[in-house]
Protein backbone atom coordinates (compact mmCIF):
# COMPACT_ATOMS: atom_id res chain seq x y z
CA MET A 1 0.00 0.00 0.00
CA VAL A 2 1.48 3.33 -1.07
CA ILE A 3 -0.08 6.48 0.36
CA GLY A 4 0.23 9.73 -1.54
CA TYR A 5 -0.05 13.32 -0.32
CA GLN A 6 -0.98 16.21 -2.56
CA ALA A 7 1.00 19.14 -1.26
CA GLY A 8 -0.45 22.63 -1.46
CA ARG A 9 0.74 26.01 -2.67
CA ILE A 10 3.64 26.39 -0.23
CA LYS A 11 5.45 23.39 -1.68
CA GLU A 12 8.64 23.44 0.40
CA LEU A 13 6.81 23.71 3.73
CA SER A 14 4.21 21.14 2.71
CA GLU A 15 6.81 18.52 1.88
CA LEU A 16 8.73 19.02 5.14
CA GLU A 17 5.49 18.88 7.10
CA ILE A 18 4.33 15.69 5.40
CA LYS A 19 7.62 13.93 6.08
CA SER A 20 7.49 14.98 9.74
CA VAL A 21 3.90 13.94 10.36
CA VAL A 22 4.10 10.64 8.49
CA ALA A 23 7.25 9.61 10.34
CA ARG A 24 5.75 10.68 13.67
CA ASP A 25 2.13 9.62 13.48
CA VAL A 26 1.67 6.89 10.88
CA ALA A 27 4.73 4.69 10.48
CA PRO A 28 8.38 5.48 9.92
CA SER A 29 8.66 2.69 7.36
CA LEU A 30 5.54 3.40 5.31
CA ALA A 31 6.29 4.09 1.67
CA LEU A 32 4.72 7.28 0.42
CA SER A 33 4.67 9.71 -2.44
CA ILE A 34 4.22 13.47 -2.61
CA VAL A 35 2.47 15.33 -5.39
CA SER A 36 2.75 19.09 -5.40
CA GLN A 37 -0.11 21.31 -6.52
CA LYS A 38 0.02 21.96 -10.26
CA PRO A 39 1.90 23.29 -12.14
CA LEU A 40 4.64 21.91 -9.86
CA ALA A 41 3.33 18.36 -9.97
CA TYR A 42 5.72 15.46 -9.68
CA HIS A 43 5.66 11.93 -8.40
CA THR A 44 8.35 9.49 -7.39
CA ASP A 45 7.49 5.82 -7.68
CA LYS A 46 9.80 4.66 -4.88
CA TRP A 47 10.24 7.47 -2.39
CA PRO A 48 12.01 7.12 -0.08
CA THR A 49 13.37 3.63 -0.78
CA SER A 50 15.23 3.53 2.54
CA TRP A 51 11.89 3.42 4.35
CA GLY A 52 10.92 0.19 2.64
CA GLN A 53 7.38 -1.16 2.77
CA LEU A 54 5.16 -2.32 5.59
CA PRO A 55 3.24 -5.56 5.13
CA ILE A 56 0.10 -4.61 3.25
CA GLU A 57 -2.28 -5.74 6.01
CA ARG A 58 -0.42 -3.69 8.66
CA ALA A 59 -0.25 -0.62 6.45
CA SER A 60 -3.98 -0.85 5.79
CA SER A 61 -4.86 -1.12 9.48
CA ILE A 62 -2.71 1.90 10.31
CA CYS A 63 -3.79 4.11 7.44
CA VAL A 64 -7.53 3.58 7.33
CA LYS A 65 -7.80 4.51 11.00
CA ALA A 66 -5.32 7.38 10.94
CA LEU A 67 -5.77 9.28 7.71
CA SER A 68 -9.17 10.84 8.37
CA ASN A 69 -7.68 12.53 11.44
CA GLN A 70 -4.27 13.07 9.91
CA ILE A 71 -5.55 15.32 7.12
CA MET A 72 -6.80 17.72 9.80
CA ALA A 73 -3.36 17.77 11.41
CA LEU A 74 -1.68 18.83 8.18
CA GLY A 75 -1.74 22.51 7.27
CA GLY A 76 -0.30 22.21 3.78
CA THR A 77 -1.87 19.06 2.35
CA ILE A 78 -4.85 19.05 -0.01
CA ARG A 79 -5.48 15.31 -0.40
CA ILE A 80 -4.33 11.97 0.91
CA TYR A 81 -4.83 9.12 -1.55
CA GLU A 82 -3.94 5.48 -2.08
CA LEU A 83 -2.16 4.46 -5.25
CA LEU A 84 -4.08 1.51 -6.67
CA SER A 85 -1.98 -1.54 -7.45
CA ASP A 86 -2.19 -4.56 -9.68
CA GLN A 87 -0.60 -7.75 -8.28
CA ALA A 88 1.22 -5.72 -5.61
CA GLN A 89 2.80 -3.47 -8.26
CA ILE A 90 2.04 0.21 -8.79
CA GLU A 91 1.13 0.51 -12.45
CA SER A 92 1.77 3.53 -14.59
CA PHE A 93 0.18 4.16 -17.97
CA ILE A 94 0.47 6.71 -20.73
CA LEU A 95 -2.55 8.94 -21.01
CA ASN A 96 -3.87 10.03 -24.40
CA PRO A 97 -7.27 9.95 -26.16
CA ASN A 98 -6.45 6.59 -27.77
CA ASN A 99 -6.54 4.78 -24.42
CA PHE A 100 -9.35 6.65 -22.64
CA SER A 101 -11.60 3.59 -23.04
CA ASN A 102 -9.06 1.33 -21.32
CA LEU A 103 -8.66 3.92 -18.56
CA ALA A 104 -12.43 4.04 -18.03
CA LYS A 105 -12.44 0.23 -17.68
CA LYS A 106 -9.59 0.38 -15.13
CA ILE A 107 -11.42 3.02 -13.11
CA TRP A 108 -14.66 1.07 -13.19
CA GLN A 109 -12.92 -2.08 -11.97
CA SER A 110 -11.49 -0.08 -9.04
CA LEU A 111 -14.79 1.40 -7.85
CA PRO A 112 -17.07 -0.06 -5.18
CA LYS A 113 -20.31 -1.60 -6.46
CA THR A 114 -23.57 -0.61 -4.79
CA PRO A 115 -27.32 -1.14 -5.38
CA HIS A 116 -27.75 2.62 -5.07
CA LYS A 117 -26.61 5.42 -7.34
CA LEU A 118 -22.86 5.93 -7.08
CA ASN A 119 -21.40 9.44 -7.05
CA VAL A 120 -17.97 9.53 -8.72
CA GLY A 121 -15.52 12.35 -9.32
CA LEU A 122 -12.20 12.43 -11.13
CA SER A 123 -9.30 14.81 -10.44
CA VAL A 124 -6.04 15.10 -12.35
CA LEU A 125 -3.25 16.23 -10.02
CA GLY A 126 -1.07 17.91 -12.62
CA GLY A 127 -0.09 17.07 -16.18
CA GLU A 128 -1.52 18.16 -19.51
CA LEU A 129 -5.11 16.91 -19.51
CA ASN A 130 -7.83 19.48 -20.28
CA PHE A 131 -11.46 19.73 -19.17
CA ALA A 132 -12.87 18.33 -22.46
CA GLN A 133 -10.69 15.23 -22.12
CA LEU A 134 -11.70 14.81 -18.49
CA ARG A 135 -15.37 14.97 -19.50
CA LYS A 136 -14.78 12.34 -22.20
CA ILE A 137 -13.20 9.95 -19.66
CA MET A 138 -16.17 10.40 -17.34
CA GLN A 139 -18.66 9.77 -20.18
CA LEU A 140 -16.87 6.50 -20.97
CA LEU A 141 -16.84 5.61 -17.26
CA LYS A 142 -20.56 6.20 -16.97
CA ALA A 143 -21.12 3.95 -20.00
CA GLU A 144 -19.07 1.17 -18.35
CA ALA A 145 -21.23 1.44 -15.24
CA LYS A 146 -24.44 1.40 -17.27
CA ASN A 147 -23.34 -1.76 -19.08
CA ASP A 148 -23.03 -3.45 -15.69
CA GLY A 149 -26.37 -2.12 -14.47
CA GLN A 150 -24.88 0.43 -12.07
CA SER A 151 -26.52 3.84 -11.77
CA MET A 152 -23.84 6.54 -11.62
CA ARG A 153 -23.71 10.30 -11.20
CA VAL A 154 -20.48 11.93 -12.30
CA VAL A 155 -19.23 15.06 -10.53
CA MET A 156 -17.29 17.54 -12.66
CA PRO A 157 -15.31 20.64 -11.62
CA LYS A 158 -17.55 23.71 -11.98
CA ASP A 159 -14.65 25.96 -12.95
CA ARG A 160 -13.83 23.74 -15.96
CA SER A 161 -10.49 22.80 -14.44
CA CYS A 162 -9.32 19.20 -14.04
CA GLU A 163 -9.39 19.07 -10.25
CA LEU A 164 -12.33 19.01 -7.87
CA ASN A 165 -12.06 21.35 -4.91
CA ALA A 166 -12.70 20.27 -1.33
CA ALA A 167 -16.20 21.77 -1.30
CA ALA A 168 -17.21 19.65 -4.31
CA VAL A 169 -15.74 16.46 -2.85
CA MET A 170 -17.39 16.98 0.54
CA GLY A 171 -20.65 18.44 -0.80
CA ASN A 172 -21.22 15.43 -3.06
CA ASN A 173 -20.23 12.92 -0.33
CA LEU A 174 -17.61 11.38 -2.58
CA LEU A 175 -15.60 9.97 0.32
CA THR A 176 -18.60 8.52 2.18
CA LYS A 177 -21.18 7.57 -0.47
CA GLY A 178 -19.09 7.46 -3.61
CA ALA A 179 -15.50 7.85 -4.72
CA GLU A 180 -13.00 10.35 -6.04
CA ILE A 181 -10.50 8.86 -8.47
CA VAL A 182 -7.21 10.72 -8.93
CA LEU A 183 -4.74 10.58 -11.80
CA VAL A 184 -1.27 11.19 -10.43
CA PRO A 185 1.71 12.11 -12.65
CA SER A 186 4.42 9.47 -12.67
CA ALA A 187 8.15 10.07 -12.67
CA ARG A 188 8.01 9.09 -16.36
CA PRO A 189 6.89 11.95 -18.65
CA ASN A 190 3.28 11.61 -19.85
CA TYR A 191 2.66 8.61 -17.58
CA TYR A 192 0.16 8.51 -14.72
CA HIS A 193 -0.82 6.38 -11.75
CA LEU A 194 -4.38 5.66 -10.71
CA GLY A 195 -5.36 6.50 -7.15
CA LEU A 196 -8.34 6.71 -4.82
CA THR A 197 -8.79 9.70 -2.48
CA LEU A 198 -8.93 8.68 1.19
CA ALA A 199 -9.13 12.12 2.85
CA ILE A 200 -9.34 15.76 1.82
CA HIS A 201 -8.58 18.97 3.69
CA ASN A 202 -11.62 20.58 5.29
CA PRO A 203 -11.41 24.37 4.75
CA ASN A 204 -14.06 24.91 7.43
CA ARG A 205 -11.48 24.13 10.11
CA ASP A 206 -9.27 27.07 9.16
CA ALA A 207 -12.19 29.43 8.57
CA TRP A 208 -13.49 28.53 12.02
CA LEU A 209 -10.11 29.27 13.65
CA ASP A 210 -9.71 32.46 11.62
CA PHE A 211 -13.11 34.05 12.18
CA LYS A 212 -14.56 32.52 15.34
CA ILE A 213 -11.79 33.24 17.85
CA PRO A 214 -12.99 35.87 20.33
CA ARG A 215 -9.78 37.95 20.27
CA PRO A 216 -8.29 38.30 16.75
CA ASP A 217 -5.38 40.71 16.25
CA ALA A 218 -5.27 42.31 12.81
CA ARG A 219 -2.39 44.60 13.77
CA SER A 220 0.02 41.76 14.57
CA GLY A 221 0.27 40.12 11.18
CA MET A 222 -2.62 37.60 11.39
CA LEU A 223 -0.54 34.45 11.03
CA PRO A 224 -2.85 32.09 9.08
CA PRO A 225 -3.89 28.87 10.87
CA LYS A 226 -2.53 26.74 8.00
CA LEU A 227 0.89 28.35 8.19
CA ALA A 228 1.02 28.17 11.99
CA ARG A 229 0.13 24.47 11.83
CA MET A 230 2.83 23.74 9.25
CA MET A 231 5.41 25.59 11.33
CA VAL A 232 4.49 23.61 14.46
CA ASN A 233 4.58 20.28 12.62
CA ILE A 234 7.98 21.06 11.10
CA GLY A 235 9.34 22.28 14.44
CA VAL A 236 8.13 19.21 16.30
CA GLY A 237 9.49 16.91 13.59
CA GLU A 238 9.44 13.27 14.64
CA GLU A 239 9.16 14.03 18.38
CA LYS A 240 6.21 12.56 20.24
CA GLU A 241 6.74 14.31 23.59
CA VAL A 242 7.89 17.91 23.36
CA THR A 243 6.73 21.35 24.53
CA VAL A 244 6.08 24.06 21.95
CA PHE A 245 7.30 27.48 23.09
CA ASP A 246 6.38 30.81 21.48
CA PRO A 247 8.24 33.82 23.00
CA PHE A 248 6.11 36.26 20.92
CA CYS A 249 2.73 34.63 21.38
CA GLY A 250 0.54 37.55 20.23
CA ASN A 251 -3.04 36.31 20.27
CA GLY A 252 -1.97 32.66 20.56
CA ARG A 253 -2.18 31.38 17.01
CA VAL A 254 0.91 29.12 17.25
CA LEU A 255 -0.04 27.91 20.73
CA MET A 256 -3.56 26.97 19.64
CA GLU A 257 -2.23 24.89 16.76
CA ALA A 258 0.25 23.18 19.08
CA LEU A 259 -2.54 22.29 21.49
CA LEU A 260 -4.74 20.98 18.68
CA LEU A 261 -1.85 18.76 17.60
CA GLY A 262 -1.59 17.42 21.14
CA TYR A 263 1.49 19.25 22.45
CA PRO A 264 1.79 21.26 25.67
CA ALA A 265 2.30 24.95 24.89
CA PHE A 266 4.16 27.75 26.65
CA GLY A 267 3.90 31.35 25.51
CA ARG A 268 4.93 34.79 26.57
CA ASP A 269 4.50 38.31 25.27
CA ILE A 270 5.62 41.74 26.47
CA ASP A 271 2.11 43.15 25.97
CA MET A 272 -0.29 42.19 28.77
CA SER A 273 -3.31 42.76 26.53
CA LYS A 274 -1.96 40.11 24.14
CA VAL A 275 -1.36 37.72 27.01
CA GLU A 276 -5.01 38.16 27.98
CA SER A 277 -6.07 37.68 24.34
CA THR A 278 -4.14 34.42 24.16
CA LYS A 279 -5.68 33.15 27.39
CA GLN A 280 -9.18 34.03 26.20
CA ASN A 281 -8.64 32.40 22.79
CA ILE A 282 -7.29 29.21 24.34
CA GLY A 283 -10.18 29.15 26.81
CA TRP A 284 -12.58 29.42 23.86
CA LEU A 285 -10.69 26.62 22.11
CA ARG A 286 -11.05 24.32 25.12
CA GLU A 287 -14.80 24.84 25.10
CA SER A 288 -15.00 24.38 21.32
CA VAL A 289 -13.41 20.92 21.51
CA LYS A 290 -16.77 19.72 22.79
CA GLU A 291 -18.65 21.11 19.77
CA ALA A 292 -16.51 21.34 16.62
CA PRO A 293 -16.93 18.19 14.47
CA TRP A 294 -13.30 18.30 13.28
CA LEU A 295 -12.13 18.08 16.90
CA SER A 296 -14.32 15.12 17.84
CA ASN A 297 -11.24 12.87 18.26
CA MET A 298 -9.85 15.05 21.09
CA ALA A 299 -11.14 14.57 24.63
CA GLN A 300 -9.27 17.59 25.96
CA LEU A 301 -6.38 19.87 25.10
CA PRO A 302 -2.94 19.58 26.74
CA GLU A 303 -1.54 22.03 29.27
CA ALA A 304 -0.90 25.66 28.30
CA GLN A 305 0.91 28.36 30.25
CA ILE A 306 1.00 31.98 29.11
CA PHE A 307 2.74 34.78 30.95
CA GLN A 308 3.88 38.35 30.46
CA ALA A 309 7.60 38.78 29.85
CA ASP A 310 10.00 40.68 27.63
CA ALA A 311 11.63 38.23 25.21
CA ARG A 312 14.81 40.32 25.43
CA GLU A 313 15.15 39.38 29.11
CA ARG A 314 15.70 35.95 30.60
CA ALA A 315 12.36 34.68 31.81
CA LYS A 316 12.02 33.44 35.39
CA ILE A 317 9.63 30.70 34.34
CA ILE A 318 11.62 27.84 32.79
CA VAL A 319 10.09 26.16 29.76
CA PRO A 320 9.93 22.36 30.18
CA LYS A 321 12.49 20.24 28.31
CA PRO A 322 12.57 19.02 25.66
CA ASN A 323 11.12 21.92 23.75
CA VAL A 324 10.96 23.48 20.30
CA ILE A 325 10.54 27.17 19.54
CA VAL A 326 7.97 28.17 16.94
CA SER A 327 7.35 31.89 16.66
CA GLU A 328 6.51 34.93 14.61
CA PRO A 329 8.15 37.97 16.25
CA TRP A 330 7.20 41.59 15.69
CA LEU A 331 7.14 42.27 11.94
CA GLY A 332 7.37 46.03 12.23
CA PRO A 333 4.58 48.62 12.20
CA PRO A 334 1.50 48.02 10.02
CA LEU A 335 2.04 49.30 6.47
CA ARG A 336 -0.44 51.10 4.25
CA HIS A 337 1.87 51.47 1.25
CA TYR A 338 5.09 50.09 -0.20
CA PRO A 339 7.87 51.82 1.78
CA ASN A 340 10.73 53.57 0.02
CA PHE A 341 14.31 52.45 0.68
CA ASN A 342 14.84 54.80 3.63
CA GLU A 343 11.51 53.91 5.28
CA GLY A 344 12.08 50.21 4.73
CA GLY A 345 15.61 50.44 6.08
CA LYS A 346 14.48 52.00 9.35
CA ILE A 347 11.81 49.33 9.86
CA ALA A 348 14.22 46.53 8.94
CA ASN A 349 16.86 47.79 11.36
CA SER A 350 14.31 47.95 14.19
CA VAL A 351 13.12 44.38 13.58
CA LYS A 352 16.68 43.09 13.20
CA ALA A 353 17.78 44.75 16.44
CA LEU A 354 14.86 43.13 18.28
CA ILE A 355 15.61 39.65 16.96
CA PHE A 356 19.34 40.03 17.66
CA SER A 357 18.57 40.98 21.26
CA VAL A 358 16.29 37.95 21.68
CA ILE A 359 18.58 35.30 20.18
CA PRO A 360 20.61 34.66 23.39
CA ASN A 361 17.43 33.96 25.36
CA LEU A 362 16.07 31.69 22.64
CA ILE A 363 19.24 29.64 22.65
CA ALA A 364 19.27 29.56 26.46
CA GLU A 365 16.10 27.44 26.31
CA ASN A 366 18.18 24.81 24.45
CA PRO A 367 15.44 24.07 21.91
CA ARG A 368 15.78 21.05 19.67
CA LYS A 369 14.58 23.11 16.73
CA ILE A 370 13.64 26.70 16.02
CA VAL A 371 11.08 27.70 13.39
CA LEU A 372 11.13 31.47 13.08
CA VAL A 373 9.37 33.97 10.83
CA VAL A 374 11.54 36.81 9.51
CA PRO A 375 9.83 39.55 7.47
CA LYS A 376 10.95 40.60 3.99
CA TRP A 377 9.70 43.97 2.74
CA ARG A 378 8.59 44.91 -0.75
CA LEU A 379 9.74 48.42 -1.54
CA ALA A 380 8.33 51.06 -3.82
CA GLY A 381 9.83 50.45 -7.25
CA GLY A 382 9.68 46.66 -7.04
CA LYS A 383 12.80 45.84 -5.03
CA GLU A 384 12.84 43.77 -1.83
CA LEU A 385 14.62 44.32 1.48
CA SER A 386 15.70 41.25 3.46
CA ILE A 387 17.38 40.74 6.84
CA THR A 388 17.23 36.94 6.69
CA SER A 389 20.91 36.31 5.95
CA ASP A 390 21.91 38.59 8.86
CA ILE A 391 19.60 36.71 11.25
CA LEU A 392 20.88 33.33 10.06
CA ASP A 393 24.50 34.40 10.46
CA GLU A 394 23.84 35.56 14.02
CA ILE A 395 22.00 32.39 15.05
CA ILE A 396 24.54 30.08 13.44
CA LYS A 397 27.22 31.61 15.68
CA THR A 398 25.40 30.11 18.68
CA GLY A 399 25.76 26.47 17.65
CA TYR A 400 22.70 26.06 15.47
CA ASP A 401 22.61 25.39 11.76
CA GLY A 402 19.80 26.08 9.36
CA SER A 403 18.37 27.92 6.42
CA CYS A 404 15.37 29.74 5.00
CA ILE A 405 13.05 26.93 3.90
CA ALA A 406 10.31 29.00 2.26
CA ASN A 407 9.00 32.48 1.53
CA VAL A 408 5.28 32.98 2.08
CA GLY A 409 3.10 35.90 1.07
CA ARG A 410 0.44 37.19 -1.30
CA ASN A 411 1.47 38.87 -4.52
CA ASP A 412 -0.02 42.20 -3.41
CA SER A 413 1.24 42.25 0.20
CA PHE A 414 3.68 44.88 1.49
CA LEU A 415 5.79 42.22 3.17
CA THR A 416 6.30 38.47 2.97
CA ARG A 417 7.47 35.92 5.52
CA ASP A 418 10.75 34.04 5.29
CA ILE A 419 10.43 30.81 7.30
CA LEU A 420 13.70 29.81 9.01
CA LEU A 421 14.35 26.29 10.26
CA LEU A 422 17.29 25.87 12.67
CA ASN A 423 18.62 22.67 14.21
CA ILE A 424 21.20 22.26 16.92
CA LYS A 425 24.53 21.16 15.44
């Protein structure tokens, strides 16, 4: 059994997160594949070979139980799917109009048979197929079902793309009363694998965390839930027992994601109003565990401690060991326009001075990993201003090694986020 993960828009973070979560929560020896969101789609047939394969019956028992919950624990994954095999081998086939009929037969043979109408969708996770070709495949599939006396309703993307979105998959009950077939690009050009979707990301979870929390904080950067969750997963890595520490907790976004993933959380902030916001948001989260359907697998959240302290000073409260630091520090004052070089330089110097002053206290906590946001500013005229290399150089002097693993931001934003990952040497 080979499980595939369709990574989302932030490809680099998604892949690191998937590797961390699969190794930690599913099985360290389970073979898997990663497919990035088009147009960056790729697939490796044997990745990573050093992990080997679990016995098929053990892999099935682990995955079927775990994947419905696992998709909610992943911030950067769109789908989890199983690559369908023939005689324990993962087949690949070339896809062109001449073999659409054979493909329709293969899909039909893979689908469950039911006395009721079967809802079926098809998504192509990259490659060169167009909507007209997708429709033709589905027409042939429906004909195969009709020949066998099976009533079928096909679900097509409304935007005339080749990939169903999460709303279409969930709204048509494809994972509970039907099926979504996926065509996954192979490592061989123009070849595909056939797969069956097992779980899909529920966007309601992130919307709920974004808009329902009682104390949002628009002036502090509004770290998206997805990004916070990816950062926590990457910071935790393969650890099963670790405390997540955020020395700039703001309104508690990182801490809430850590708690939802099952990790104790410690946070501090210099601003008492933000400390109170974090406490109120976490209190709301504890109550919501009893109501939110996507949290039904959690009886209660782990411990959380939040206190007021200046990150530039050594805190009197010691964070439990082992710990990881996951944090977005102050990004500078809110911007209403693209700053010029002088304006941007003043902001950058202020942020850099703050981070430099905090580094000794971060290292004093002896974290196993540090995942840190560093802002990058877009200047008037189209240039960018970065302090990332300066921050990395300063941290590396302390005995840690690392790099910028991704840059995250909208095309029209005044600043973007460099995500730094640092490991103790």
